């Protein structure tokens, strides 16, 4: 109640990217105060009421995770692990640091409980991320979302993903290949079957040469049609990757309550949040049914309540992730979903 009625309305008075930066710093420094960690774990954590969950040869504390994008540079893993999440996905990370797209690039649509972002894979690069992953103390499952540098041409994209995978192999529990973000110029061209197959086969070749291969998943766009989703199912089979994360943000603006004038003024970007829920459920259900449940799917998109979570699990998701729901519902969302 405190978050929804006092803290969130105050935060929503300011630029969302600046608020995100402030909140990240506040979490980082407040957790250095004696007594804060057990207090947060008591009020926001699941208090051990949910048994762990085994998937992808990994043991998850529970089935609710924090999606990529919130902690791009793995600076808050230990702190965020106290908020009741069963796993955390960091990134997207690129080989070299990059500043991303020009600001402003993150926008709220409160009437729709949605966000629009065109961040552009802003991050501090893989070497910085590795430094942070080396220092983490929490035993929470950590996945890394991999992206290519904006200046890397698509013809050389596989080199970026391979470099990231090799550098990060010893420091992550699972990997997500991200070729579906709508905010990188021409990135989604890599969703074409041949280009994507090349990337996945190269990654899996390296992975299978390791003594203990790690799960590699593909993050897919909600804007794919059924034929393209059939190709995704076939790619999982032919390349041997572990599974799929469904879905990324959408370029669609259909059915929004926010005025068309404001939506048009915001411009390009990926939409996340409540308006994405219906399509996310459709994609998860399609992938599970058409593949005859042959591979795991992490469901993400429009999850705010326990009912939303139950719908996603009913559609076939093995695990779920939240991001926009964390912004709108506050730090107790994992506990609320797990209750």
Foldseek 3Di string as FASTA:
>chain_A
DCCQPPVLVVLVVDQVVVSLVVVVVCLVVVVVDPPPLVVQLVQQAQVQPDPWDDDQNDIFRHQEEAEEDSAAQLQCVQSLVSRHHREYEYHQAWAAADQADDPPAWADDVQQLKIFGLRGRHDHHLVSSQVNLVPDDDPHAYEYEYAYHLPDDLVCRLVGLQVSCVVCVVRHQEYEYEQAFPNRPPSVVCLPLVNVLVSLLVSVVVQVVDPHRHAYEYEAALPDDLVSLVSVLVSCVVSVHAYYEFYDFYQDPPPDPPDPVVVVVSPGGGMFAQVFLVSLLVSLLSNCVVNVNPHAYEGEGHDQALVSVVSSVVSPHPHYYYHSNCSNVHSNRSNRNVD
